[in-house]
Amino acid sequence: MNYAGAKHAPLILLVKSQCLVWLICCWIIIMPTQLKLEAPWEEVKEKLKEVNTDLTDEDLVYQPGQEQDMLNRLAKKLHRSTEAVKVWIESVSFNKGKAS
């Protein structure tokens, strides 16, 4: 690399790192939310209804690939963020046989 190229190297690295940060942020925002469940959905659903008696079967309609719809619906009903709802569902799923 000649002197002129070295002179602009920090600027090029800055632009590349800003693009990388932008791409990661966009990926996180648009990335589909996939639930990681340790128990079958029917078991998880029943445990969720034990923990929160306001939840109905209609609130907990779940179709693989459509997680975001359910998470949005529950977040609105429970006045929580979708991420908080996702973490809650996954934690209930990991507590085999126990509601949390």
N, C-alpha and C. Protein backbone atom coordinates (compact mmCIF):
# COMPACT_ATOMS: atom_id res chain seq x y z
N MET A 1 0.85 -1.16 0.00
CA MET A 1 0.00 0.00 0.00
C MET A 1 0.90 1.23 0.00
N ASN A 2 0.61 2.17 -0.87
CA ASN A 2 1.43 3.38 -0.91
C ASN A 2 0.98 4.37 0.17
N TYR A 3 1.67 5.44 0.24
CA TYR A 3 1.41 6.44 1.28
C TYR A 3 -0.01 6.99 1.17
N ALA A 4 -0.47 7.25 -0.04
CA ALA A 4 -1.81 7.81 -0.21
C ALA A 4 -2.87 6.83 0.29
N GLY A 5 -2.67 5.55 0.00
CA GLY A 5 -3.63 4.55 0.47
C GLY A 5 -3.63 4.43 1.98
N ALA A 6 -2.45 4.51 2.58
CA ALA A 6 -2.34 4.43 4.04
C ALA A 6 -3.01 5.63 4.69
N LYS A 7 -2.94 6.75 4.04
CA LYS A 7 -3.54 7.97 4.56
C LYS A 7 -5.06 7.82 4.69
N HIS A 8 -5.68 7.10 3.78
CA HIS A 8 -7.13 6.96 3.77
C HIS A 8 -7.61 5.68 4.45
N ALA A 9 -6.69 4.83 4.87
CA ALA A 9 -7.07 3.56 5.49
C ALA A 9 -7.96 3.73 6.72
N PRO A 10 -7.66 4.66 7.65
CA PRO A 10 -8.56 4.80 8.81
C PRO A 10 -9.98 5.19 8.40
N LEU A 11 -10.12 6.03 7.38
CA LEU A 11 -11.43 6.44 6.91
C LEU A 11 -12.19 5.24 6.32
N ILE A 12 -11.50 4.43 5.55
CA ILE A 12 -12.12 3.24 4.95
C ILE A 12 -12.56 2.28 6.05
N LEU A 13 -11.72 2.07 7.06
CA LEU A 13 -12.09 1.19 8.16
C LEU A 13 -13.30 1.72 8.92
N LEU A 14 -13.37 3.04 9.11
CA LEU A 14 -14.49 3.65 9.80
C LEU A 14 -15.79 3.41 9.02
N VAL A 15 -15.75 3.63 7.73
CA VAL A 15 -16.94 3.42 6.89
C VAL A 15 -17.35 1.96 6.94
N LYS A 16 -16.39 1.04 6.82
CA LYS A 16 -16.69 -0.39 6.87
C LYS A 16 -17.30 -0.77 8.22
N SER A 17 -16.74 -0.25 9.31
CA SER A 17 -17.27 -0.61 10.63
C SER A 17 -18.66 -0.02 10.83
N GLN A 18 -18.92 1.19 10.32
CA GLN A 18 -20.26 1.77 10.43
C GLN A 18 -21.26 0.96 9.63
N CYS A 19 -20.87 0.49 8.46
CA CYS A 19 -21.76 -0.34 7.64
C CYS A 19 -22.05 -1.66 8.35
N LEU A 20 -21.04 -2.23 8.97
CA LEU A 20 -21.22 -3.49 9.70
C LEU A 20 -22.18 -3.30 10.86
N VAL A 21 -22.02 -2.21 11.61
CA VAL A 21 -22.94 -1.92 12.72
C VAL A 21 -24.35 -1.74 12.19
N TRP A 22 -24.51 -1.02 11.08
CA TRP A 22 -25.82 -0.80 10.49
C TRP A 22 -26.44 -2.12 10.06
N LEU A 23 -25.66 -2.98 9.43
CA LEU A 23 -26.17 -4.28 8.99
C LEU A 23 -26.60 -5.14 10.18
N ILE A 24 -25.81 -5.15 11.24
CA ILE A 24 -26.16 -5.94 12.43
C ILE A 24 -27.45 -5.41 13.05
N CYS A 25 -27.57 -4.09 13.15
CA CYS A 25 -28.80 -3.50 13.72
C CYS A 25 -30.01 -3.86 12.87
N CYS A 26 -29.89 -3.76 11.56
CA CYS A 26 -31.01 -4.11 10.68
C CYS A 26 -31.35 -5.58 10.81
N TRP A 27 -30.36 -6.44 10.90
CA TRP A 27 -30.59 -7.88 11.03
C TRP A 27 -31.34 -8.16 12.33
N ILE A 28 -30.97 -7.51 13.41
CA ILE A 28 -31.64 -7.72 14.69
C ILE A 28 -33.08 -7.25 14.62
N ILE A 29 -33.33 -6.11 13.98
CA ILE A 29 -34.67 -5.55 13.91
C ILE A 29 -35.58 -6.41 13.05
N ILE A 30 -35.10 -6.88 11.91
CA ILE A 30 -35.98 -7.62 11.00
C ILE A 30 -35.87 -9.13 11.15
N MET A 31 -34.95 -9.58 12.00
CA MET A 31 -34.75 -11.00 12.18
C MET A 31 -36.03 -11.62 12.74
N PRO A 32 -36.53 -12.69 12.13
CA PRO A 32 -37.73 -13.31 12.68
C PRO A 32 -37.44 -13.88 14.07
N THR A 33 -38.43 -13.73 14.93
CA THR A 33 -38.27 -14.21 16.30
C THR A 33 -38.71 -15.66 16.35
N GLN A 34 -37.79 -16.54 16.65
CA GLN A 34 -38.11 -17.96 16.75
C GLN A 34 -38.02 -18.36 18.21
N LEU A 35 -39.11 -18.95 18.70
CA LEU A 35 -39.13 -19.41 20.08
C LEU A 35 -38.29 -20.67 20.22
N LYS A 36 -37.55 -20.75 21.30
CA LYS A 36 -36.77 -21.95 21.60
C LYS A 36 -37.47 -22.64 22.76
N LEU A 37 -38.23 -23.65 22.44
CA LEU A 37 -39.04 -24.34 23.46
C LEU A 37 -38.43 -25.69 23.80
N GLU A 38 -38.44 -26.01 25.09
CA GLU A 38 -37.94 -27.30 25.57
C GLU A 38 -39.07 -28.30 25.78
N ALA A 39 -40.29 -27.82 25.75
CA ALA A 39 -41.47 -28.68 25.96
C ALA A 39 -42.41 -28.48 24.78
N PRO A 40 -43.30 -29.42 24.55
CA PRO A 40 -44.30 -29.25 23.48
C PRO A 40 -45.16 -28.01 23.75
N TRP A 41 -45.58 -27.34 22.67
CA TRP A 41 -46.33 -26.10 22.81
C TRP A 41 -47.58 -26.28 23.68
N GLU A 42 -48.29 -27.38 23.55
CA GLU A 42 -49.51 -27.57 24.35
C GLU A 42 -49.21 -27.53 25.85
N GLU A 43 -48.10 -28.12 26.26
CA GLU A 43 -47.69 -28.06 27.67
C GLU A 43 -47.34 -26.64 28.08
N VAL A 44 -46.58 -25.97 27.24
CA VAL A 44 -46.17 -24.60 27.54
C VAL A 44 -47.40 -23.71 27.64
N LYS A 45 -48.32 -23.87 26.72
CA LYS A 45 -49.54 -23.07 26.71
C LYS A 45 -50.32 -23.24 28.01
N GLU A 46 -50.46 -24.48 28.48
CA GLU A 46 -51.19 -24.72 29.73
C GLU A 46 -50.46 -24.10 30.92
N LYS A 47 -49.13 -24.19 30.93
CA LYS A 47 -48.36 -23.57 32.01
C LYS A 47 -48.52 -22.05 32.00
N LEU A 48 -48.52 -21.46 30.80
CA LEU A 48 -48.70 -20.01 30.69
C LEU A 48 -50.06 -19.59 31.23
N LYS A 49 -51.08 -20.39 30.95
CA LYS A 49 -52.42 -20.06 31.46
C LYS A 49 -52.51 -20.25 32.97
N GLU A 50 -51.71 -21.16 33.53
CA GLU A 50 -51.66 -21.32 34.99
C GLU A 50 -51.03 -20.08 35.63
N VAL A 51 -49.98 -19.59 35.01
CA VAL A 51 -49.25 -18.44 35.55
C VAL A 51 -50.08 -17.16 35.40
N ASN A 52 -50.73 -17.00 34.27
CA ASN A 52 -51.52 -15.80 34.02
C ASN A 52 -52.92 -16.22 33.59
N THR A 53 -53.85 -16.17 34.52
CA THR A 53 -55.21 -16.67 34.25
C THR A 53 -55.98 -15.78 33.29
N ASP A 54 -55.46 -14.60 32.95
CA ASP A 54 -56.12 -13.75 31.96
C ASP A 54 -55.90 -14.23 30.53
N LEU A 55 -54.92 -15.10 30.34
CA LEU A 55 -54.62 -15.58 28.99
C LEU A 55 -55.64 -16.63 28.55
N THR A 56 -56.02 -16.55 27.29
CA THR A 56 -56.98 -17.50 26.72
C THR A 56 -56.30 -18.33 25.63
N ASP A 57 -57.00 -19.36 25.18
CA ASP A 57 -56.49 -20.16 24.06
C ASP A 57 -56.30 -19.28 22.82
N GLU A 58 -57.21 -18.31 22.63
CA GLU A 58 -57.10 -17.42 21.47
C GLU A 58 -55.84 -16.56 21.55
N ASP A 59 -55.49 -16.13 22.77
CA ASP A 59 -54.26 -15.34 22.95
C ASP A 59 -53.03 -16.17 22.61
N LEU A 60 -53.11 -17.46 22.83
CA LEU A 60 -51.95 -18.34 22.72
C LEU A 60 -51.95 -19.19 21.46
N VAL A 61 -52.64 -18.72 20.43
CA VAL A 61 -52.60 -19.42 19.15
C VAL A 61 -51.19 -19.30 18.62
N TYR A 62 -50.57 -20.45 18.36
CA TYR A 62 -49.18 -20.48 17.93
C TYR A 62 -49.04 -21.36 16.70
N GLN A 63 -48.41 -20.81 15.69
CA GLN A 63 -48.08 -21.57 14.49
C GLN A 63 -46.60 -21.35 14.22
N PRO A 64 -45.83 -22.43 14.11
CA PRO A 64 -44.40 -22.25 13.82
C PRO A 64 -44.21 -21.35 12.59
N GLY A 65 -43.29 -20.41 12.72
CA GLY A 65 -43.06 -19.44 11.66
C GLY A 65 -43.88 -18.18 11.83
N GLN A 66 -44.88 -18.21 12.71
CA GLN A 66 -45.74 -17.05 12.97
C GLN A 66 -45.58 -16.55 14.40
N GLU A 67 -44.42 -16.81 14.99
CA GLU A 67 -44.18 -16.46 16.39
C GLU A 67 -44.38 -14.97 16.65
N GLN A 68 -43.94 -14.15 15.71
CA GLN A 68 -43.99 -12.71 15.93
C GLN A 68 -45.42 -12.22 16.13
N ASP A 69 -46.37 -12.80 15.40
CA ASP A 69 -47.77 -12.40 15.57
C ASP A 69 -48.24 -12.67 16.99
N MET A 70 -47.96 -13.86 17.49
CA MET A 70 -48.37 -14.20 18.85
C MET A 70 -47.65 -13.33 19.88
N LEU A 71 -46.35 -13.13 19.69
CA LEU A 71 -45.58 -12.32 20.63
C LEU A 71 -46.10 -10.88 20.67
N ASN A 72 -46.43 -10.33 19.52
CA ASN A 72 -46.99 -8.98 19.47
C ASN A 72 -48.34 -8.92 20.19
N ARG A 73 -49.17 -9.91 19.95
CA ARG A 73 -50.50 -9.98 20.58
C ARG A 73 -50.36 -10.05 22.11
N LEU A 74 -49.47 -10.94 22.57
CA LEU A 74 -49.27 -11.09 24.02
C LEU A 74 -48.61 -9.86 24.63
N ALA A 75 -47.67 -9.27 23.93
CA ALA A 75 -47.00 -8.07 24.44
C ALA A 75 -48.02 -6.96 24.67
N LYS A 76 -48.93 -6.81 23.73
CA LYS A 76 -49.96 -5.78 23.87
C LYS A 76 -50.87 -6.09 25.06
N LYS A 77 -51.31 -7.33 25.17
CA LYS A 77 -52.22 -7.70 26.25
C LYS A 77 -51.55 -7.61 27.63
N LEU A 78 -50.29 -8.00 27.70
CA LEU A 78 -49.58 -8.04 28.98
C LEU A 78 -48.83 -6.74 29.29
N HIS A 79 -48.87 -5.79 28.37
CA HIS A 79 -48.17 -4.50 28.55
C HIS A 79 -46.67 -4.72 28.79
N ARG A 80 -46.09 -5.57 27.97
CA ARG A 80 -44.66 -5.89 28.04
C ARG A 80 -44.07 -5.77 26.63
N SER A 81 -42.75 -5.77 26.55
CA SER A 81 -42.10 -5.78 25.23
C SER A 81 -42.20 -7.20 24.66
N THR A 82 -42.09 -7.30 23.35
CA THR A 82 -42.12 -8.62 22.73
C THR A 82 -40.95 -9.47 23.20
N GLU A 83 -39.79 -8.84 23.41
CA GLU A 83 -38.62 -9.59 23.89
C GLU A 83 -38.87 -10.13 25.29
N ALA A 84 -39.51 -9.33 26.16
CA ALA A 84 -39.82 -9.79 27.52
C ALA A 84 -40.80 -10.96 27.48
N VAL A 85 -41.78 -10.90 26.60
CA VAL A 85 -42.74 -11.99 26.45
C VAL A 85 -42.05 -13.25 25.95
N LYS A 86 -41.16 -13.09 24.97
CA LYS A 86 -40.42 -14.23 24.42
C LYS A 86 -39.59 -14.90 25.52
N VAL A 87 -38.88 -14.10 26.31
CA VAL A 87 -38.05 -14.64 27.39
C VAL A 87 -38.93 -15.36 28.41
N TRP A 88 -40.07 -14.78 28.74
CA TRP A 88 -40.99 -15.39 29.70
C TRP A 88 -41.49 -16.75 29.20
N ILE A 89 -41.94 -16.81 27.95
CA ILE A 89 -42.43 -18.07 27.37
C ILE A 89 -41.33 -19.12 27.38
N GLU A 90 -40.14 -18.74 26.97
CA GLU A 90 -39.02 -19.69 26.94
C GLU A 90 -38.66 -20.16 28.35
N SER A 91 -38.73 -19.28 29.33
CA SER A 91 -38.40 -19.69 30.71
C SER A 91 -39.45 -20.66 31.23
N VAL A 92 -40.71 -20.43 30.92
CA VAL A 92 -41.77 -21.37 31.32
C VAL A 92 -41.54 -22.71 30.64
N SER A 93 -41.12 -22.68 29.39
CA SER A 93 -40.86 -23.90 28.64
C SER A 93 -39.71 -24.72 29.26
N PHE A 94 -38.70 -24.03 29.80
CA PHE A 94 -37.55 -24.71 30.39
C PHE A 94 -37.84 -25.28 31.77
N ASN A 95 -38.86 -24.75 32.45
CA ASN A 95 -39.24 -25.25 33.78
C ASN A 95 -40.20 -26.42 33.61
N LYS A 96 -39.66 -27.54 33.29
CA LYS A 96 -40.47 -28.72 32.99
C LYS A 96 -41.34 -29.10 34.18
N GLY A 97 -42.66 -29.11 33.94
CA GLY A 97 -43.59 -29.54 34.98
C GLY A 97 -43.93 -28.47 36.01
N LYS A 98 -43.33 -27.30 35.93
CA LYS A 98 -43.60 -26.25 36.91
C LYS A 98 -43.98 -24.97 36.19
N ALA A 99 -44.95 -24.28 36.73
CA ALA A 99 -45.24 -22.93 36.24
C ALA A 99 -44.28 -21.99 36.94
N SER A 100 -43.94 -20.89 36.27
CA SER A 100 -43.03 -19.94 36.92
C SER A 100 -43.60 -18.55 36.86
